[in-house]
Amino acid sequence: MNDTPRFGTAGLADSYTVKKFDPAAIAAYTAGFGLTAFEYQCGRGVRLAHDKAAALGAACAERDIALSVHAPYYISMSSLEEDKRLHSIDYLLQSCALVKALGGRRVIFHSGSCGKQSREEALEKALDTMARAVKACDEAGFEDCILCPETMGKVNQLGTLDEVLALCEVDPRITPCIDFGHLYARSCGVQFADATAAADYAALLDTLAARLGDDRAVHFHAHFSRIAYTKGGEKCHLTFADTAFGPPHAPLLALLKERHLAPTIICESAGTQAEDAAALAQGYAAL
């Protein structure tokens, strides 16, 4: 396990221009920015053939690029409809099969929304689905896969820090995906505002250590981007050049270095994720 953070991208940035699926080109492009992580995007469905996944995994392994998978967006562990919750487990199993083909372990997913129920009721359903998902993964031979519930950006979505950590407490393998931009957006810019960012990041990292109490607080998964918001939370992802919205990254990088933490940080900037991930990696290296 790495003792320093890994930085990488969610999919390929706009500056990647190769049209066909080319594992060697993807690995070379990613490594060219000094990056050591890549999150394959399956938001609209798990569609990559496993032989192609194995080829991508091999090309990335040669360059020490760790691979993860973002599961389909339509997962809903908290749905009022049991059928949707059960299908969500199927989508996680498909994502686990793909991440294994890629040679990775981590599957990142959105746990759902509250809908027409209280947050407490939504979380209760999600906790039940999470336990079933862990059992299904074990039965399918995916016991070495790491499920990563993500903190979410819209106020009505399930995915506060507390809710994600509750899901992580279902099983010691479940590792949080802390999306700092999402937490900033759902707080309407209050959390991780420029003036308080260092203290807010420190408080979050303290919470991870206290609630998890193990290696997951050191090697957690993370997403980072600047995000515009409205009163309902997340509106859209931005680039690091769009400084009207936060959160700022420098205080977080300083704390990771100071505390010897080594998360995998995936940049989700809008079209400039490789360039902005490189800025994160360079910023950390300069400390």
C-alpha atoms as a PDB file:
ATOM      1  CA  MET A   1       0.000   0.000   0.000  1.00  0.00           C
ATOM      2  CA  ASN A   2       1.282   3.461  -0.910  1.00  0.00           C
ATOM      3  CA  ASP A   3       2.630   5.666   1.878  1.00  0.00           C
ATOM      4  CA  THR A   4       1.955   8.833  -0.133  1.00  0.00           C
ATOM      5  CA  PRO A   5      -1.254   9.913  -1.897  1.00  0.00           C
ATOM      6  CA  ARG A   6      -2.092   8.759  -5.375  1.00  0.00           C
ATOM      7  CA  PHE A   7      -3.528  11.369  -7.712  1.00  0.00           C
ATOM      8  CA  GLY A   8      -5.514  10.577 -10.823  1.00  0.00           C
ATOM      9  CA  THR A   9      -8.496  11.333 -13.024  1.00  0.00           C
ATOM     10  CA  ALA A  10     -12.121  10.370 -13.443  1.00  0.00           C
ATOM     11  CA  GLY A  11     -11.994   9.201 -17.027  1.00  0.00           C
ATOM     12  CA  LEU A  12     -10.070  11.042 -19.719  1.00  0.00           C
ATOM     13  CA  ALA A  13      -9.754  14.819 -19.999  1.00  0.00           C
ATOM     14  CA  ASP A  14     -10.615  16.823 -23.109  1.00  0.00           C
ATOM     15  CA  SER A  15      -6.915  17.008 -24.030  1.00  0.00           C
ATOM     16  CA  TYR A  16      -6.898  13.251 -24.720  1.00  0.00           C
ATOM     17  CA  THR A  17      -7.597  12.959 -28.438  1.00  0.00           C
ATOM     18  CA  VAL A  18      -7.134   9.265 -29.329  1.00  0.00           C
ATOM     19  CA  LYS A  19     -10.474   8.106 -30.728  1.00  0.00           C
ATOM     20  CA  LYS A  20     -10.245   4.332 -30.392  1.00  0.00           C
ATOM     21  CA  PHE A  21      -9.860   2.359 -27.175  1.00  0.00           C
ATOM     22  CA  ASP A  22      -6.073   2.176 -26.747  1.00  0.00           C
ATOM     23  CA  PRO A  23      -4.874   0.878 -23.358  1.00  0.00           C
ATOM     24  CA  ALA A  24      -1.226   1.841 -23.951  1.00  0.00           C
ATOM     25  CA  ALA A  25      -2.225   5.360 -25.003  1.00  0.00           C
ATOM     26  CA  ILE A  26      -4.462   5.814 -21.957  1.00  0.00           C
ATOM     27  CA  ALA A  27      -1.689   4.655 -19.624  1.00  0.00           C
ATOM     28  CA  ALA A  28       0.931   6.828 -21.328  1.00  0.00           C
ATOM     29  CA  TYR A  29      -1.347   9.873 -21.259  1.00  0.00           C
ATOM     30  CA  THR A  30      -2.101   9.414 -17.559  1.00  0.00           C
ATOM     31  CA  ALA A  31       1.542   8.806 -16.638  1.00  0.00           C
ATOM     32  CA  GLY A  32       2.553  11.799 -18.736  1.00  0.00           C
ATOM     33  CA  PHE A  33       0.842  14.060 -16.205  1.00  0.00           C
ATOM     34  CA  GLY A  34       2.695  12.387 -13.342  1.00  0.00           C
ATOM     35  CA  LEU A  35      -0.455  10.589 -12.199  1.00  0.00           C
ATOM     36  CA  THR A  36      -0.701   7.186 -10.522  1.00  0.00           C
ATOM     37  CA  ALA A  37      -4.469   6.558 -10.429  1.00  0.00           C
ATOM     38  CA  PHE A  38      -7.306   6.278 -12.945  1.00  0.00           C
ATOM     39  CA  GLU A  39     -11.008   5.830 -12.257  1.00  0.00           C
ATOM     40  CA  TYR A  40     -12.877   4.084 -15.052  1.00  0.00           C
ATOM     41  CA  GLN A  41     -16.320   5.624 -15.448  1.00  0.00           C
ATOM     42  CA  CYS A  42     -19.380   3.362 -15.644  1.00  0.00           C
ATOM     43  CA  GLY A  43     -21.952   5.982 -14.696  1.00  0.00           C
ATOM     44  CA  ARG A  44     -24.261   4.964 -17.548  1.00  0.00           C
ATOM     45  CA  GLY A  45     -23.648   1.242 -17.225  1.00  0.00           C
ATOM     46  CA  VAL A  46     -20.877  -1.350 -17.016  1.00  0.00           C
ATOM     47  CA  ARG A  47     -20.042  -1.830 -20.670  1.00  0.00           C
ATOM     48  CA  LEU A  48     -16.305  -2.482 -21.003  1.00  0.00           C
ATOM     49  CA  ALA A  49     -15.496  -6.022 -22.148  1.00  0.00           C
ATOM     50  CA  HIS A  50     -13.310  -7.874 -19.679  1.00  0.00           C
ATOM     51  CA  ASP A  51     -10.574  -8.632 -22.223  1.00  0.00           C
ATOM     52  CA  LYS A  52     -10.250  -4.918 -22.944  1.00  0.00           C
ATOM     53  CA  ALA A  53     -10.283  -4.225 -19.209  1.00  0.00           C
ATOM     54  CA  ALA A  54      -7.447  -6.708 -18.673  1.00  0.00           C
ATOM     55  CA  ALA A  55      -5.415  -4.998 -21.404  1.00  0.00           C
ATOM     56  CA  LEU A  56      -5.963  -1.596 -19.801  1.00  0.00           C
ATOM     57  CA  GLY A  57      -5.064  -3.022 -16.404  1.00  0.00           C
ATOM     58  CA  ALA A  58      -1.821  -4.485 -17.716  1.00  0.00           C
ATOM     59  CA  ALA A  59      -0.833  -1.226 -19.437  1.00  0.00           C
ATOM     60  CA  CYS A  60      -1.531   0.776 -16.288  1.00  0.00           C
ATOM     61  CA  ALA A  61       0.234  -1.713 -14.002  1.00  0.00           C
ATOM     62  CA  GLU A  62       3.437  -1.197 -16.000  1.00  0.00           C
ATOM     63  CA  ARG A  63       3.295   2.482 -15.020  1.00  0.00           C
ATOM     64  CA  ASP A  64       2.151   1.983 -11.400  1.00  0.00           C
ATOM     65  CA  ILE A  65      -1.317   3.418 -12.118  1.00  0.00           C
ATOM     66  CA  ALA A  66      -3.946   2.070  -9.705  1.00  0.00           C
ATOM     67  CA  LEU A  67      -7.388   1.510 -11.229  1.00  0.00           C
ATOM     68  CA  SER A  68     -10.818   1.928  -9.667  1.00  0.00           C
ATOM     69  CA  VAL A  69     -14.349   1.856 -11.086  1.00  0.00           C
ATOM     70  CA  HIS A  70     -17.189   4.321 -10.649  1.00  0.00           C
ATOM     71  CA  ALA A  71     -20.374   2.245 -10.579  1.00  0.00           C
ATOM     72  CA  PRO A  72     -23.585   3.252 -12.427  1.00  0.00           C
ATOM     73  CA  TYR A  73     -25.289   6.448 -11.278  1.00  0.00           C
ATOM     74  CA  TYR A  74     -28.676   4.765 -11.087  1.00  0.00           C
ATOM     75  CA  ILE A  75     -27.762   2.708  -8.023  1.00  0.00           C
ATOM     76  CA  SER A  76     -30.270   3.454  -5.247  1.00  0.00           C
ATOM     77  CA  MET A  77     -29.679   1.615  -2.005  1.00  0.00           C
ATOM     78  CA  SER A  78     -32.319   3.729  -0.252  1.00  0.00           C
ATOM     79  CA  SER A  79     -35.188   3.399  -2.735  1.00  0.00           C
ATOM     80  CA  LEU A  80     -38.707   2.820  -1.442  1.00  0.00           C
ATOM     81  CA  GLU A  81     -38.961   0.127  -4.135  1.00  0.00           C
ATOM     82  CA  GLU A  82     -37.277  -3.100  -3.059  1.00  0.00           C
ATOM     83  CA  ASP A  83     -36.783  -4.079  -6.693  1.00  0.00           C
ATOM     84  CA  LYS A  84     -34.561  -1.026  -7.255  1.00  0.00           C
ATOM     85  CA  ARG A  85     -32.539  -1.801  -4.149  1.00  0.00           C
ATOM     86  CA  LEU A  86     -31.956  -5.382  -5.292  1.00  0.00           C
ATOM     87  CA  HIS A  87     -30.986  -4.252  -8.797  1.00  0.00           C
ATOM     88  CA  SER A  88     -28.483  -1.906  -7.155  1.00  0.00           C
ATOM     89  CA  ILE A  89     -26.709  -4.943  -5.749  1.00  0.00           C
ATOM     90  CA  ASP A  90     -26.525  -6.412  -9.266  1.00  0.00           C
ATOM     91  CA  TYR A  91     -24.926  -3.194 -10.561  1.00  0.00           C
ATOM     92  CA  LEU A  92     -22.334  -3.354  -7.771  1.00  0.00           C
ATOM     93  CA  LEU A  93     -21.558  -6.976  -8.664  1.00  0.00           C
ATOM     94  CA  GLN A  94     -21.091  -6.010 -12.328  1.00  0.00           C
ATOM     95  CA  SER A  95     -18.763  -3.204 -11.223  1.00  0.00           C
ATOM     96  CA  CYS A  96     -16.791  -5.596  -8.996  1.00  0.00           C
ATOM     97  CA  ALA A  97     -16.348  -8.011 -11.897  1.00  0.00           C
ATOM     98  CA  LEU A  98     -14.997  -5.170 -14.018  1.00  0.00           C
ATOM     99  CA  VAL A  99     -12.633  -3.792 -11.389  1.00  0.00           C
ATOM    100  CA  LYS A 100     -11.191  -7.283 -10.909  1.00  0.00           C
ATOM    101  CA  ALA A 101     -10.676  -7.559 -14.678  1.00  0.00           C
ATOM    102  CA  LEU A 102      -8.866  -4.214 -14.528  1.00  0.00           C
ATOM    103  CA  GLY A 103      -6.646  -5.456 -11.712  1.00  0.00           C
ATOM    104  CA  GLY A 104      -8.091  -2.949  -9.231  1.00  0.00           C
ATOM    105  CA  ARG A 105     -10.148  -3.313  -6.064  1.00  0.00           C
ATOM    106  CA  ARG A 106     -12.175  -0.165  -5.398  1.00  0.00           C
ATOM    107  CA  VAL A 107     -15.750   0.391  -6.606  1.00  0.00           C
ATOM    108  CA  ILE A 108     -17.152   3.861  -5.949  1.00  0.00           C
ATOM    109  CA  PHE A 109     -20.911   4.381  -5.877  1.00  0.00           C
ATOM    110  CA  HIS A 110     -23.702   6.819  -5.020  1.00  0.00           C
ATOM    111  CA  SER A 111     -25.957   5.345  -2.359  1.00  0.00           C
ATOM    112  CA  GLY A 112     -29.218   7.057  -3.395  1.00  0.00           C
ATOM    113  CA  SER A 113     -31.555   9.855  -2.399  1.00  0.00           C
ATOM    114  CA  CYS A 114     -34.018  10.415   0.401  1.00  0.00           C
ATOM    115  CA  GLY A 115     -37.016  10.937  -1.860  1.00  0.00           C
ATOM    116  CA  LYS A 116     -40.352  10.944  -0.023  1.00  0.00           C
ATOM    117  CA  GLN A 117     -38.954   9.568   3.222  1.00  0.00           C
ATOM    118  CA  SER A 118     -36.950  10.926   6.125  1.00  0.00           C
ATOM    119  CA  ARG A 119     -33.154  10.815   6.067  1.00  0.00           C
ATOM    120  CA  GLU A 120     -33.299   8.283   8.896  1.00  0.00           C
ATOM    121  CA  GLU A 121     -35.614   5.970   6.935  1.00  0.00           C
ATOM    122  CA  ALA A 122     -33.499   6.315   3.786  1.00  0.00           C
ATOM    123  CA  LEU A 123     -30.336   5.478   5.706  1.00  0.00           C
ATOM    124  CA  GLU A 124     -31.986   2.475   7.346  1.00  0.00           C
ATOM    125  CA  LYS A 125     -32.862   1.064   3.919  1.00  0.00           C
ATOM    126  CA  ALA A 126     -29.381   1.797   2.587  1.00  0.00           C
ATOM    127  CA  LEU A 127     -27.753   0.047   5.546  1.00  0.00           C
ATOM    128  CA  ASP A 128     -29.845  -3.053   4.864  1.00  0.00           C
ATOM    129  CA  THR A 129     -28.952  -2.964   1.149  1.00  0.00           C
ATOM    130  CA  MET A 130     -25.284  -2.428   2.028  1.00  0.00           C
ATOM    131  CA  ALA A 131     -25.239  -5.530   4.228  1.00  0.00           C
ATOM    132  CA  ARG A 132     -26.893  -7.557   1.459  1.00  0.00           C
ATOM    133  CA  ALA A 133     -24.373  -6.203  -1.066  1.00  0.00           C
ATOM    134  CA  VAL A 134     -21.425  -7.288   1.076  1.00  0.00           C
ATOM    135  CA  LYS A 135     -22.920 -10.791   1.396  1.00  0.00           C
ATOM    136  CA  ALA A 136     -23.557 -10.945  -2.366  1.00  0.00           C
ATOM    137  CA  CYS A 137     -19.978  -9.856  -3.114  1.00  0.00           C
ATOM    138  CA  ASP A 138     -18.620 -12.571  -0.833  1.00  0.00           C
ATOM    139  CA  GLU A 139     -20.818 -15.216  -2.433  1.00  0.00           C
ATOM    140  CA  ALA A 140     -19.749 -14.112  -5.933  1.00  0.00           C
ATOM    141  CA  GLY A 141     -16.049 -14.337  -5.126  1.00  0.00           C
ATOM    142  CA  PHE A 142     -15.525 -10.592  -4.851  1.00  0.00           C
ATOM    143  CA  GLU A 143     -14.571 -10.584  -1.171  1.00  0.00           C
ATOM    144  CA  ASP A 144     -11.346  -8.704  -1.983  1.00  0.00           C
ATOM    145  CA  CYS A 145     -13.229  -5.831  -3.650  1.00  0.00           C
ATOM    146  CA  ILE A 146     -13.611  -2.601  -1.688  1.00  0.00           C
ATOM    147  CA  LEU A 147     -16.974  -0.847  -1.888  1.00  0.00           C
ATOM    148  CA  CYS A 148     -16.690   2.931  -1.493  1.00  0.00           C
ATOM    149  CA  PRO A 149     -19.890   4.921  -0.778  1.00  0.00           C
ATOM    150  CA  GLU A 150     -19.472   8.556  -1.839  1.00  0.00           C
ATOM    151  CA  THR A 151     -20.396  11.770  -0.061  1.00  0.00           C
ATOM    152  CA  MET A 152     -22.917  13.556  -2.268  1.00  0.00           C
ATOM    153  CA  GLY A 153     -23.447  17.129  -3.406  1.00  0.00           C
ATOM    154  CA  LYS A 154     -27.215  17.664  -3.438  1.00  0.00           C
ATOM    155  CA  VAL A 155     -29.060  18.302  -0.185  1.00  0.00           C
ATOM    156  CA  ASN A 156     -31.766  15.686  -0.884  1.00  0.00           C
ATOM    157  CA  GLN A 157     -29.228  12.935  -1.622  1.00  0.00           C
ATOM    158  CA  LEU A 158     -28.132  10.384   0.920  1.00  0.00           C
ATOM    159  CA  GLY A 159     -24.450  11.090   1.427  1.00  0.00           C
ATOM    160  CA  THR A 160     -23.519  13.364   4.297  1.00  0.00           C
ATOM    161  CA  LEU A 161     -20.219  12.456   5.939  1.00  0.00           C
ATOM    162  CA  ASP A 162     -22.085  10.843   8.850  1.00  0.00           C
ATOM    163  CA  GLU A 163     -24.292   8.811   6.500  1.00  0.00           C
ATOM    164  CA  VAL A 164     -21.323   7.554   4.492  1.00  0.00           C
ATOM    165  CA  LEU A 165     -19.445   6.596   7.655  1.00  0.00           C
ATOM    166  CA  ALA A 166     -22.527   4.730   8.903  1.00  0.00           C
ATOM    167  CA  LEU A 167     -22.444   2.684   5.680  1.00  0.00           C
ATOM    168  CA  CYS A 168     -18.730   2.049   6.219  1.00  0.00           C
ATOM    169  CA  GLU A 169     -19.497   0.615   9.658  1.00  0.00           C
ATOM    170  CA  VAL A 170     -21.483  -2.234   8.041  1.00  0.00           C
ATOM    171  CA  ASP A 171     -18.213  -4.030   7.216  1.00  0.00           C
ATOM    172  CA  PRO A 172     -14.527  -3.183   7.840  1.00  0.00           C
ATOM    173  CA  ARG A 173     -13.768  -3.428   4.106  1.00  0.00           C
ATOM    174  CA  ILE A 174     -16.156  -0.606   3.167  1.00  0.00           C
ATOM    175  CA  THR A 175     -14.059   2.517   2.624  1.00  0.00           C
ATOM    176  CA  PRO A 176     -15.414   6.054   2.283  1.00  0.00           C
ATOM    177  CA  CYS A 177     -15.122   8.087  -0.902  1.00  0.00           C
ATOM    178  CA  ILE A 178     -14.859  11.635   0.423  1.00  0.00           C
ATOM    179  CA  ASP A 179     -15.905  14.016  -2.342  1.00  0.00           C
ATOM    180  CA  PHE A 180     -14.705  17.344  -0.979  1.00  0.00           C
ATOM    181  CA  GLY A 181     -16.419  19.339  -3.723  1.00  0.00           C
ATOM    182  CA  HIS A 182     -19.722  17.629  -2.965  1.00  0.00           C
ATOM    183  CA  LEU A 183     -19.496  18.434   0.740  1.00  0.00           C
ATOM    184  CA  TYR A 184     -18.637  22.052  -0.097  1.00  0.00           C
ATOM    185  CA  ALA A 185     -21.632  22.270  -2.469  1.00  0.00           C
ATOM    186  CA  ARG A 186     -24.196  20.633  -0.182  1.00  0.00           C
ATOM    187  CA  SER A 187     -23.177  23.111   2.551  1.00  0.00           C
ATOM    188  CA  CYS A 188     -23.691  25.954   0.032  1.00  0.00           C
ATOM    189  CA  GLY A 189     -20.052  26.934   0.349  1.00  0.00           C
ATOM    190  CA  VAL A 190     -19.937  27.057   4.146  1.00  0.00           C
ATOM    191  CA  GLN A 191     -17.784  23.953   4.656  1.00  0.00           C
ATOM    192  CA  PHE A 192     -14.292  24.369   3.158  1.00  0.00           C
ATOM    193  CA  ALA A 193     -14.789  28.075   2.471  1.00  0.00           C
ATOM    194  CA  ASP A 194     -11.426  29.764   1.872  1.00  0.00           C
ATOM    195  CA  ALA A 195     -11.299  31.338   5.348  1.00  0.00           C
ATOM    196  CA  THR A 196     -12.076  28.120   7.241  1.00  0.00           C
ATOM    197  CA  ALA A 197     -10.863  25.403   4.843  1.00  0.00           C
ATOM    198  CA  ALA A 198      -7.818  24.316   6.858  1.00  0.00           C
ATOM    199  CA  ALA A 199      -9.843  23.903  10.065  1.00  0.00           C
ATOM    200  CA  ASP A 200     -12.700  22.197   8.200  1.00  0.00           C
ATOM    201  CA  TYR A 201     -10.371  19.716   6.480  1.00  0.00           C
ATOM    202  CA  ALA A 202      -8.680  18.989   9.811  1.00  0.00           C
ATOM    203  CA  ALA A 203     -12.046  18.354  11.480  1.00  0.00           C
ATOM    204  CA  LEU A 204     -13.086  15.961   8.707  1.00  0.00           C
ATOM    205  CA  LEU A 205      -9.818  14.025   8.910  1.00  0.00           C
ATOM    206  CA  ASP A 206     -10.214  13.869  12.705  1.00  0.00           C
ATOM    207  CA  THR A 207     -13.708  12.439  12.219  1.00  0.00           C
ATOM    208  CA  LEU A 208     -12.430   9.754   9.853  1.00  0.00           C
ATOM    209  CA  ALA A 209      -9.791   8.711  12.378  1.00  0.00           C
ATOM    210  CA  ALA A 210     -12.289   8.647  15.248  1.00  0.00           C
ATOM    211  CA  ARG A 211     -15.130   6.857  13.443  1.00  0.00           C
ATOM    212  CA  LEU A 212     -13.107   4.356  11.405  1.00  0.00           C
ATOM    213  CA  GLY A 213     -10.113   3.887  13.677  1.00  0.00           C
ATOM    214  CA  ASP A 214      -8.139   1.889  11.124  1.00  0.00           C
ATOM    215  CA  ASP A 215      -6.241   2.028   7.840  1.00  0.00           C
ATOM    216  CA  ARG A 216      -9.329   3.337   6.024  1.00  0.00           C
ATOM    217  CA  ALA A 217      -8.710   6.726   7.641  1.00  0.00           C
ATOM    218  CA  VAL A 218      -5.234   6.762   6.064  1.00  0.00           C
ATOM    219  CA  HIS A 219      -5.885   5.223   2.645  1.00  0.00           C
ATOM    220  CA  PHE A 220      -9.418   6.495   2.056  1.00  0.00           C
ATOM    221  CA  HIS A 221     -10.709   7.259  -1.434  1.00  0.00           C
ATOM    222  CA  ALA A 222     -11.462  10.841  -2.471  1.00  0.00           C
ATOM    223  CA  HIS A 223     -12.810  12.977  -5.280  1.00  0.00           C
ATOM    224  CA  PHE A 224     -11.788  16.585  -5.733  1.00  0.00           C
ATOM    225  CA  SER A 225     -13.038  19.393  -7.959  1.00  0.00           C
ATOM    226  CA  ARG A 226     -14.404  22.891  -7.656  1.00  0.00           C
ATOM    227  CA  ILE A 227     -18.210  22.797  -7.792  1.00  0.00           C
ATOM    228  CA  ALA A 228     -20.824  25.504  -8.335  1.00  0.00           C
ATOM    229  CA  TYR A 229     -23.938  25.276  -6.160  1.00  0.00           C
ATOM    230  CA  THR A 230     -27.451  26.604  -5.654  1.00  0.00           C
ATOM    231  CA  LYS A 231     -29.623  26.398  -2.537  1.00  0.00           C
ATOM    232  CA  GLY A 232     -30.230  22.716  -3.338  1.00  0.00           C
ATOM    233  CA  GLY A 233     -26.514  21.981  -3.385  1.00  0.00           C
ATOM    234  CA  GLU A 234     -24.394  20.863  -6.349  1.00  0.00           C
ATOM    235  CA  LYS A 235     -25.042  22.561  -9.695  1.00  0.00           C
ATOM    236  CA  CYS A 236     -22.060  21.607 -11.865  1.00  0.00           C
ATOM    237  CA  HIS A 237     -18.383  20.702 -11.783  1.00  0.00           C
ATOM    238  CA  LEU A 238     -15.892  23.421 -12.682  1.00  0.00           C
ATOM    239  CA  THR A 239     -12.152  23.630 -13.394  1.00  0.00           C
ATOM    240  CA  PHE A 240      -9.394  24.856 -11.105  1.00  0.00           C
ATOM    241  CA  ALA A 241      -9.350  28.049 -13.197  1.00  0.00           C
ATOM    242  CA  ASP A 242     -12.961  28.771 -12.098  1.00  0.00           C
ATOM    243  CA  THR A 243     -12.151  30.293  -8.713  1.00  0.00           C
ATOM    244  CA  ALA A 244     -15.557  31.860  -8.002  1.00  0.00           C
ATOM    245  CA  PHE A 245     -16.433  28.610  -6.213  1.00  0.00           C
ATOM    246  CA  GLY A 246     -14.383  26.266  -4.037  1.00  0.00           C
ATOM    247  CA  PRO A 247     -13.159  24.302  -2.363  1.00  0.00           C
ATOM    248  CA  PRO A 248      -9.446  25.225  -2.305  1.00  0.00           C
ATOM    249  CA  HIS A 249      -7.003  22.328  -2.476  1.00  0.00           C
ATOM    250  CA  ALA A 250      -3.807  23.724  -0.927  1.00  0.00           C
ATOM    251  CA  PRO A 251      -4.909  23.428   2.743  1.00  0.00           C
ATOM    252  CA  LEU A 252      -5.961  19.807   2.201  1.00  0.00           C
ATOM    253  CA  LEU A 253      -2.653  18.847   0.595  1.00  0.00           C
ATOM    254  CA  ALA A 254      -0.741  20.417   3.496  1.00  0.00           C
ATOM    255  CA  LEU A 255      -2.714  18.403   6.036  1.00  0.00           C
ATOM    256  CA  LEU A 256      -2.265  15.151   4.130  1.00  0.00           C
ATOM    257  CA  LYS A 257       1.494  15.724   4.156  1.00  0.00           C
ATOM    258  CA  GLU A 258       1.585  16.780   7.805  1.00  0.00           C
ATOM    259  CA  ARG A 259      -0.456  13.771   8.958  1.00  0.00           C
ATOM    260  CA  HIS A 260       1.224  11.220   6.663  1.00  0.00           C
ATOM    261  CA  LEU A 261      -2.094  10.297   5.050  1.00  0.00           C
ATOM    262  CA  ALA A 262      -2.152   8.499   1.708  1.00  0.00           C
ATOM    263  CA  PRO A 263      -5.591   8.583   0.073  1.00  0.00           C
ATOM    264  CA  THR A 264      -6.287   8.045  -3.597  1.00  0.00           C
ATOM    265  CA  ILE A 265      -7.531  11.415  -4.883  1.00  0.00           C
ATOM    266  CA  ILE A 266      -9.424  11.403  -8.173  1.00  0.00           C
ATOM    267  CA  CYS A 267      -9.888  14.767  -9.874  1.00  0.00           C
ATOM    268  CA  GLU A 268     -13.332  15.328 -11.405  1.00  0.00           C
ATOM    269  CA  SER A 269     -12.808  18.753 -12.956  1.00  0.00           C
ATOM    270  CA  ALA A 270     -14.970  19.500 -15.994  1.00  0.00           C
ATOM    271  CA  GLY A 271     -12.766  18.539 -18.938  1.00  0.00           C
ATOM    272  CA  THR A 272      -9.447  19.500 -17.330  1.00  0.00           C
ATOM    273  CA  GLN A 273      -9.229  16.635 -14.866  1.00  0.00           C
ATOM    274  CA  ALA A 274      -5.767  15.514 -16.024  1.00  0.00           C
ATOM    275  CA  GLU A 275      -4.309  19.013 -15.887  1.00  0.00           C
ATOM    276  CA  ASP A 276      -5.915  19.733 -12.516  1.00  0.00           C
ATOM    277  CA  ALA A 277      -4.917  16.344 -11.075  1.00  0.00           C
ATOM    278  CA  ALA A 278      -1.355  17.177 -12.117  1.00  0.00           C
ATOM    279  CA  ALA A 279      -1.694  20.452 -10.192  1.00  0.00           C
ATOM    280  CA  LEU A 280      -2.706  18.452  -7.112  1.00  0.00           C
ATOM    281  CA  ALA A 281       0.231  16.051  -7.511  1.00  0.00           C
ATOM    282  CA  GLN A 282       2.689  18.886  -8.079  1.00  0.00           C
ATOM    283  CA  GLY A 283       1.275  20.874  -5.172  1.00  0.00           C
ATOM    284  CA  TYR A 284       1.740  17.920  -2.853  1.00  0.00           C
ATOM    285  CA  ALA A 285       5.267  17.177  -4.132  1.00  0.00           C
ATOM    286  CA  ALA A 286       6.297  20.795  -3.539  1.00  0.00           C
ATOM    287  CA  LEU A 287       5.439  20.661   0.179  1.00  0.00           C
END
